[in-house]
Amino acid sequence: MTSKEQVKIIMAREGLTAKKLAEILAEKTGKHYTQQSLLHKISLSSFRYDELETIANIFGYEISIIKK
């Protein structure tokens, strides 16, 4: 599953817009996130692992790496 798909799943489950997620990320991390920058990362599936992990942790999700 791509980071794009993972972020979209979290957003759908939590009822978040890109704007709201950007606001929450900026508040929690102290870094600058905008709706546009977040949409760009989603469209390119270009989240760093630590960003994806932060998003998951904020909303109570866990990322797992499972050997096939």
PDB file of N, CA and C in Angstrom:
ATOM      1  N   MET A   1       0.852  -1.169   0.000  1.00  0.00           N
ATOM      2  CA  MET A   1       0.000   0.000   0.000  1.00  0.00           C
ATOM      3  C   MET A   1       0.903   1.239   0.000  1.00  0.00           C
ATOM      4  N   THR A   2       0.587   2.196  -0.843  1.00  0.00           N
ATOM      5  CA  THR A   2       1.400   3.406  -0.932  1.00  0.00           C
ATOM      6  C   THR A   2       1.070   4.366   0.211  1.00  0.00           C
ATOM      7  N   SER A   3       1.973   5.324   0.421  1.00  0.00           N
ATOM      8  CA  SER A   3       1.712   6.324   1.456  1.00  0.00           C
ATOM      9  C   SER A   3       0.477   7.149   1.103  1.00  0.00           C
ATOM     10  N   LYS A   4       0.264   7.365  -0.184  1.00  0.00           N
ATOM     11  CA  LYS A   4      -0.926   8.080  -0.647  1.00  0.00           C
ATOM     12  C   LYS A   4      -2.187   7.366  -0.177  1.00  0.00           C
ATOM     13  N   GLU A   5      -2.222   6.052  -0.384  1.00  0.00           N
ATOM     14  CA  GLU A   5      -3.388   5.268   0.016  1.00  0.00           C
ATOM     15  C   GLU A   5      -3.558   5.265   1.530  1.00  0.00           C
ATOM     16  N   GLN A   6      -2.461   5.152   2.255  1.00  0.00           N
ATOM     17  CA  GLN A   6      -2.536   5.131   3.710  1.00  0.00           C
ATOM     18  C   GLN A   6      -3.065   6.453   4.261  1.00  0.00           C
ATOM     19  N   VAL A   7      -2.571   7.556   3.736  1.00  0.00           N
ATOM     20  CA  VAL A   7      -3.036   8.863   4.208  1.00  0.00           C
ATOM     21  C   VAL A   7      -4.500   9.074   3.846  1.00  0.00           C
ATOM     22  N   LYS A   8      -4.888   8.680   2.647  1.00  0.00           N
ATOM     23  CA  LYS A   8      -6.288   8.825   2.241  1.00  0.00           C
ATOM     24  C   LYS A   8      -7.219   7.985   3.112  1.00  0.00           C
ATOM     25  N   ILE A   9      -6.783   6.797   3.496  1.00  0.00           N
ATOM     26  CA  ILE A   9      -7.591   5.952   4.382  1.00  0.00           C
ATOM     27  C   ILE A   9      -7.775   6.625   5.732  1.00  0.00           C
ATOM     28  N   ILE A  10      -6.691   7.135   6.298  1.00  0.00           N
ATOM     29  CA  ILE A  10      -6.783   7.824   7.597  1.00  0.00           C
ATOM     30  C   ILE A  10      -7.697   9.032   7.484  1.00  0.00           C
ATOM     31  N   MET A  11      -7.537   9.816   6.415  1.00  0.00           N
ATOM     32  CA  MET A  11      -8.381  11.001   6.236  1.00  0.00           C
ATOM     33  C   MET A  11      -9.854  10.607   6.136  1.00  0.00           C
ATOM     34  N   ALA A  12     -10.148   9.557   5.387  1.00  0.00           N
ATOM     35  CA  ALA A  12     -11.538   9.121   5.226  1.00  0.00           C
ATOM     36  C   ALA A  12     -12.111   8.626   6.551  1.00  0.00           C
ATOM     37  N   ARG A  13     -11.346   7.805   7.253  1.00  0.00           N
ATOM     38  CA  ARG A  13     -11.831   7.261   8.527  1.00  0.00           C
ATOM     39  C   ARG A  13     -12.053   8.342   9.571  1.00  0.00           C
ATOM     40  N   GLU A  14     -11.220   9.372   9.540  1.00  0.00           N
ATOM     41  CA  GLU A  14     -11.311  10.433  10.541  1.00  0.00           C
ATOM     42  C   GLU A  14     -12.155  11.616  10.064  1.00  0.00           C
ATOM     43  N   GLY A  15     -12.653  11.555   8.836  1.00  0.00           N
ATOM     44  CA  GLY A  15     -13.479  12.632   8.300  1.00  0.00           C
ATOM     45  C   GLY A  15     -12.717  13.933   8.133  1.00  0.00           C
ATOM     46  N   LEU A  16     -11.473  13.845   7.673  1.00  0.00           N
ATOM     47  CA  LEU A  16     -10.609  15.017   7.551  1.00  0.00           C
ATOM     48  C   LEU A  16     -10.503  15.497   6.115  1.00  0.00           C
ATOM     49  N   THR A  17     -10.396  16.792   5.962  1.00  0.00           N
ATOM     50  CA  THR A  17     -10.032  17.380   4.682  1.00  0.00           C
ATOM     51  C   THR A  17      -8.522  17.596   4.702  1.00  0.00           C
ATOM     52  N   ALA A  18      -7.947  17.852   3.549  1.00  0.00           N
ATOM     53  CA  ALA A  18      -6.506  18.129   3.477  1.00  0.00           C
ATOM     54  C   ALA A  18      -6.181  19.385   4.288  1.00  0.00           C
ATOM     55  N   LYS A  19      -7.061  20.361   4.250  1.00  0.00           N
ATOM     56  CA  LYS A  19      -6.840  21.600   4.994  1.00  0.00           C
ATOM     57  C   LYS A  19      -6.783  21.331   6.498  1.00  0.00           C
ATOM     58  N   LYS A  20      -7.719  20.548   7.003  1.00  0.00           N
ATOM     59  CA  LYS A  20      -7.763  20.239   8.428  1.00  0.00           C
ATOM     60  C   LYS A  20      -6.551  19.412   8.844  1.00  0.00           C
ATOM     61  N   LEU A  21      -6.158  18.426   8.021  1.00  0.00           N
ATOM     62  CA  LEU A  21      -4.995  17.614   8.330  1.00  0.00           C
ATOM     63  C   LEU A  21      -3.738  18.478   8.354  1.00  0.00           C
ATOM     64  N   ALA A  22      -3.612  19.402   7.415  1.00  0.00           N
ATOM     65  CA  ALA A  22      -2.454  20.303   7.389  1.00  0.00           C
ATOM     66  C   ALA A  22      -2.399  21.150   8.659  1.00  0.00           C
ATOM     67  N   GLU A  23      -3.544  21.644   9.105  1.00  0.00           N
ATOM     68  CA  GLU A  23      -3.601  22.440  10.334  1.00  0.00           C
ATOM     69  C   GLU A  23      -3.173  21.606  11.541  1.00  0.00           C
ATOM     70  N   ILE A  24      -3.661  20.377  11.621  1.00  0.00           N
ATOM     71  CA  ILE A  24      -3.333  19.499  12.744  1.00  0.00           C
ATOM     72  C   ILE A  24      -1.841  19.163  12.736  1.00  0.00           C
ATOM     73  N   LEU A  25      -1.313  18.846  11.563  1.00  0.00           N
ATOM     74  CA  LEU A  25       0.117  18.534  11.461  1.00  0.00           C
ATOM     75  C   LEU A  25       0.984  19.721  11.858  1.00  0.00           C
ATOM     76  N   ALA A  26       0.620  20.903  11.403  1.00  0.00           N
ATOM     77  CA  ALA A  26       1.378  22.099  11.747  1.00  0.00           C
ATOM     78  C   ALA A  26       1.348  22.344  13.253  1.00  0.00           C
ATOM     79  N   GLU A  27       0.193  22.154  13.856  1.00  0.00           N
ATOM     80  CA  GLU A  27       0.036  22.353  15.297  1.00  0.00           C
ATOM     81  C   GLU A  27       0.845  21.326  16.090  1.00  0.00           C
ATOM     82  N   LYS A  28       0.778  20.069  15.691  1.00  0.00           N
ATOM     83  CA  LYS A  28       1.430  18.992  16.445  1.00  0.00           C
ATOM     84  C   LYS A  28       2.943  18.945  16.249  1.00  0.00           C
ATOM     85  N   THR A  29       3.416  19.316  15.044  1.00  0.00           N
ATOM     86  CA  THR A  29       4.838  19.177  14.748  1.00  0.00           C
ATOM     87  C   THR A  29       5.614  20.489  14.816  1.00  0.00           C
ATOM     88  N   GLY A  30       4.913  21.606  14.729  1.00  0.00           N
ATOM     89  CA  GLY A  30       5.592  22.901  14.698  1.00  0.00           C
ATOM     90  C   GLY A  30       6.193  23.220  13.338  1.00  0.00           C
ATOM     91  N   LYS A  31       5.942  22.353  12.354  1.00  0.00           N
ATOM     92  CA  LYS A  31       6.437  22.572  10.998  1.00  0.00           C
ATOM     93  C   LYS A  31       5.345  23.217  10.159  1.00  0.00           C
ATOM     94  N   HIS A  32       5.751  23.816   9.056  1.00  0.00           N
ATOM     95  CA  HIS A  32       4.803  24.515   8.186  1.00  0.00           C
ATOM     96  C   HIS A  32       4.175  23.534   7.192  1.00  0.00           C
ATOM     97  N   TYR A  33       2.880  23.324   7.310  1.00  0.00           N
ATOM     98  CA  TYR A  33       2.114  22.521   6.362  1.00  0.00           C
ATOM     99  C   TYR A  33       0.946  23.366   5.874  1.00  0.00           C
ATOM    100  N   THR A  34       0.690  23.300   4.587  1.00  0.00           N
ATOM    101  CA  THR A  34      -0.484  23.973   4.026  1.00  0.00           C
ATOM    102  C   THR A  34      -1.325  22.927   3.304  1.00  0.00           C
ATOM    103  N   GLN A  35      -2.529  23.320   2.986  1.00  0.00           N
ATOM    104  CA  GLN A  35      -3.409  22.429   2.234  1.00  0.00           C
ATOM    105  C   GLN A  35      -2.747  22.053   0.913  1.00  0.00           C
ATOM    106  N   GLN A  36      -2.163  23.039   0.235  1.00  0.00           N
ATOM    107  CA  GLN A  36      -1.540  22.784  -1.063  1.00  0.00           C
ATOM    108  C   GLN A  36      -0.338  21.856  -0.950  1.00  0.00           C
ATOM    109  N   SER A  37       0.509  22.079   0.056  1.00  0.00           N
ATOM    110  CA  SER A  37       1.693  21.218   0.197  1.00  0.00           C
ATOM    111  C   SER A  37       1.281  19.788   0.532  1.00  0.00           C
ATOM    112  N   LEU A  38       0.251  19.653   1.336  1.00  0.00           N
ATOM    113  CA  LEU A  38      -0.227  18.320   1.697  1.00  0.00           C
ATOM    114  C   LEU A  38      -0.855  17.618   0.489  1.00  0.00           C
ATOM    115  N   LEU A  39      -1.660  18.334  -0.280  1.00  0.00           N
ATOM    116  CA  LEU A  39      -2.258  17.749  -1.483  1.00  0.00           C
ATOM    117  C   LEU A  39      -1.181  17.334  -2.480  1.00  0.00           C
ATOM    118  N   HIS A  40      -0.112  18.115  -2.557  1.00  0.00           N
ATOM    119  CA  HIS A  40       1.002  17.787  -3.450  1.00  0.00           C
ATOM    120  C   HIS A  40       1.674  16.489  -2.996  1.00  0.00           C
ATOM    121  N   LYS A  41       1.922  16.355  -1.698  1.00  0.00           N
ATOM    122  CA  LYS A  41       2.523  15.140  -1.166  1.00  0.00           C
ATOM    123  C   LYS A  41       1.613  13.931  -1.404  1.00  0.00           C
ATOM    124  N   ILE A  42       0.310  14.122  -1.245  1.00  0.00           N
ATOM    125  CA  ILE A  42      -0.636  13.033  -1.473  1.00  0.00           C
ATOM    126  C   ILE A  42      -0.622  12.624  -2.950  1.00  0.00           C
ATOM    127  N   SER A  43      -0.692  13.594  -3.844  1.00  0.00           N
ATOM    128  CA  SER A  43      -0.759  13.267  -5.270  1.00  0.00           C
ATOM    129  C   SER A  43       0.501  12.562  -5.757  1.00  0.00           C
ATOM    130  N   LEU A  44       1.655  12.919  -5.195  1.00  0.00           N
ATOM    131  CA  LEU A  44       2.917  12.300  -5.600  1.00  0.00           C
ATOM    132  C   LEU A  44       3.292  11.091  -4.750  1.00  0.00           C
ATOM    133  N   SER A  45       2.509  10.848  -3.702  1.00  0.00           N
ATOM    134  CA  SER A  45       2.822   9.789  -2.743  1.00  0.00           C
ATOM    135  C   SER A  45       4.250   9.970  -2.240  1.00  0.00           C
ATOM    136  N   SER A  46       4.542  11.195  -1.811  1.00  0.00           N
ATOM    137  CA  SER A  46       5.918  11.548  -1.457  1.00  0.00           C
ATOM    138  C   SER A  46       6.118  11.855   0.029  1.00  0.00           C
ATOM    139  N   PHE A  47       5.372  11.194   0.880  1.00  0.00           N
ATOM    140  CA  PHE A  47       5.562  11.376   2.316  1.00  0.00           C
ATOM    141  C   PHE A  47       6.825  10.663   2.768  1.00  0.00           C
ATOM    142  N   ARG A  48       7.588  11.316   3.628  1.00  0.00           N
ATOM    143  CA  ARG A  48       8.697  10.623   4.278  1.00  0.00           C
ATOM    144  C   ARG A  48       8.093   9.682   5.316  1.00  0.00           C
ATOM    145  N   TYR A  49       8.840   8.655   5.678  1.00  0.00           N
ATOM    146  CA  TYR A  49       8.327   7.679   6.641  1.00  0.00           C
ATOM    147  C   TYR A  49       7.951   8.358   7.949  1.00  0.00           C
ATOM    148  N   ASP A  50       8.779   9.284   8.425  1.00  0.00           N
ATOM    149  CA  ASP A  50       8.480   9.944   9.697  1.00  0.00           C
ATOM    150  C   ASP A  50       7.204  10.783   9.620  1.00  0.00           C
ATOM    151  N   GLU A  51       6.908  11.353   8.462  1.00  0.00           N
ATOM    152  CA  GLU A  51       5.665  12.108   8.297  1.00  0.00           C
ATOM    153  C   GLU A  51       4.462  11.175   8.353  1.00  0.00           C
ATOM    154  N   LEU A  52       4.572  10.065   7.666  1.00  0.00           N
ATOM    155  CA  LEU A  52       3.489   9.086   7.667  1.00  0.00           C
ATOM    156  C   LEU A  52       3.274   8.532   9.066  1.00  0.00           C
ATOM    157  N   GLU A  53       4.364   8.254   9.766  1.00  0.00           N
ATOM    158  CA  GLU A  53       4.278   7.748  11.131  1.00  0.00           C
ATOM    159  C   GLU A  53       3.635   8.786  12.060  1.00  0.00           C
ATOM    160  N   THR A  54       3.969  10.049  11.879  1.00  0.00           N
ATOM    161  CA  THR A  54       3.368  11.117  12.687  1.00  0.00           C
ATOM    162  C   THR A  54       1.870  11.193  12.463  1.00  0.00           C
ATOM    163  N   ILE A  55       1.448  11.150  11.215  1.00  0.00           N
ATOM    164  CA  ILE A  55       0.019  11.190  10.900  1.00  0.00           C
ATOM    165  C   ILE A  55      -0.697  10.014  11.552  1.00  0.00           C
ATOM    166  N   ALA A  56      -0.127   8.832  11.415  1.00  0.00           N
ATOM    167  CA  ALA A  56      -0.732   7.638  12.008  1.00  0.00           C
ATOM    168  C   ALA A  56      -0.826   7.772  13.524  1.00  0.00           C
ATOM    169  N   ASN A  57       0.248   8.208  14.159  1.00  0.00           N
ATOM    170  CA  ASN A  57       0.269   8.330  15.616  1.00  0.00           C
ATOM    171  C   ASN A  57      -0.732   9.351  16.138  1.00  0.00           C
ATOM    172  N   ILE A  58      -0.872  10.467  15.459  1.00  0.00           N
ATOM    173  CA  ILE A  58      -1.808  11.515  15.892  1.00  0.00           C
ATOM    174  C   ILE A  58      -3.223  10.955  16.023  1.00  0.00           C
ATOM    175  N   PHE A  59      -3.592  10.078  15.099  1.00  0.00           N
ATOM    176  CA  PHE A  59      -4.954   9.561  15.079  1.00  0.00           C
ATOM    177  C   PHE A  59      -5.096   8.155  15.652  1.00  0.00           C
ATOM    178  N   GLY A  60      -4.023   7.678  16.291  1.00  0.00           N
ATOM    179  CA  GLY A  60      -4.106   6.394  16.989  1.00  0.00           C
ATOM    180  C   GLY A  60      -3.943   5.172  16.100  1.00  0.00           C
ATOM    181  N   TYR A  61      -3.254   5.321  14.973  1.00  0.00           N
ATOM    182  CA  TYR A  61      -3.001   4.202  14.081  1.00  0.00           C
ATOM    183  C   TYR A  61      -1.548   3.764  14.220  1.00  0.00           C
ATOM    184  N   GLU A  62      -1.278   2.541  13.805  1.00  0.00           N
ATOM    185  CA  GLU A  62       0.056   1.982  13.860  1.00  0.00           C
ATOM    186  C   GLU A  62       0.460   1.507  12.482  1.00  0.00           C
ATOM    187  N   ILE A  63       1.693   1.752  12.099  1.00  0.00           N
ATOM    188  CA  ILE A  63       2.223   1.270  10.830  1.00  0.00           C
ATOM    189  C   ILE A  63       2.965  -0.025  11.103  1.00  0.00           C
ATOM    190  N   SER A  64       2.678  -1.047  10.320  1.00  0.00           N
ATOM    191  CA  SER A  64       3.327  -2.345  10.503  1.00  0.00           C
ATOM    192  C   SER A  64       4.057  -2.766   9.250  1.00  0.00           C
ATOM    193  N   ILE A  65       5.216  -3.334   9.441  1.00  0.00           N
ATOM    194  CA  ILE A  65       5.948  -3.932   8.329  1.00  0.00           C
ATOM    195  C   ILE A  65       5.949  -5.429   8.613  1.00  0.00           C
ATOM    196  N   ILE A  66       5.304  -6.178   7.742  1.00  0.00           N
ATOM    197  CA  ILE A  66       5.131  -7.607   7.950  1.00  0.00           C
ATOM    198  C   ILE A  66       5.807  -8.362   6.809  1.00  0.00           C
ATOM    199  N   LYS A  67       6.640  -9.308   7.175  1.00  0.00           N
ATOM    200  CA  LYS A  67       7.327 -10.121   6.176  1.00  0.00           C
ATOM    201  C   LYS A  67       6.326 -11.058   5.497  1.00  0.00           C
ATOM    202  N   LYS A  68       6.438 -11.142   4.192  1.00  0.00           N
ATOM    203  CA  LYS A  68       5.535 -11.999   3.416  1.00  0.00           C
ATOM    204  C   LYS A  68       5.904 -13.448   3.589  1.00  0.00           C
TER     205      LYS A  68
END
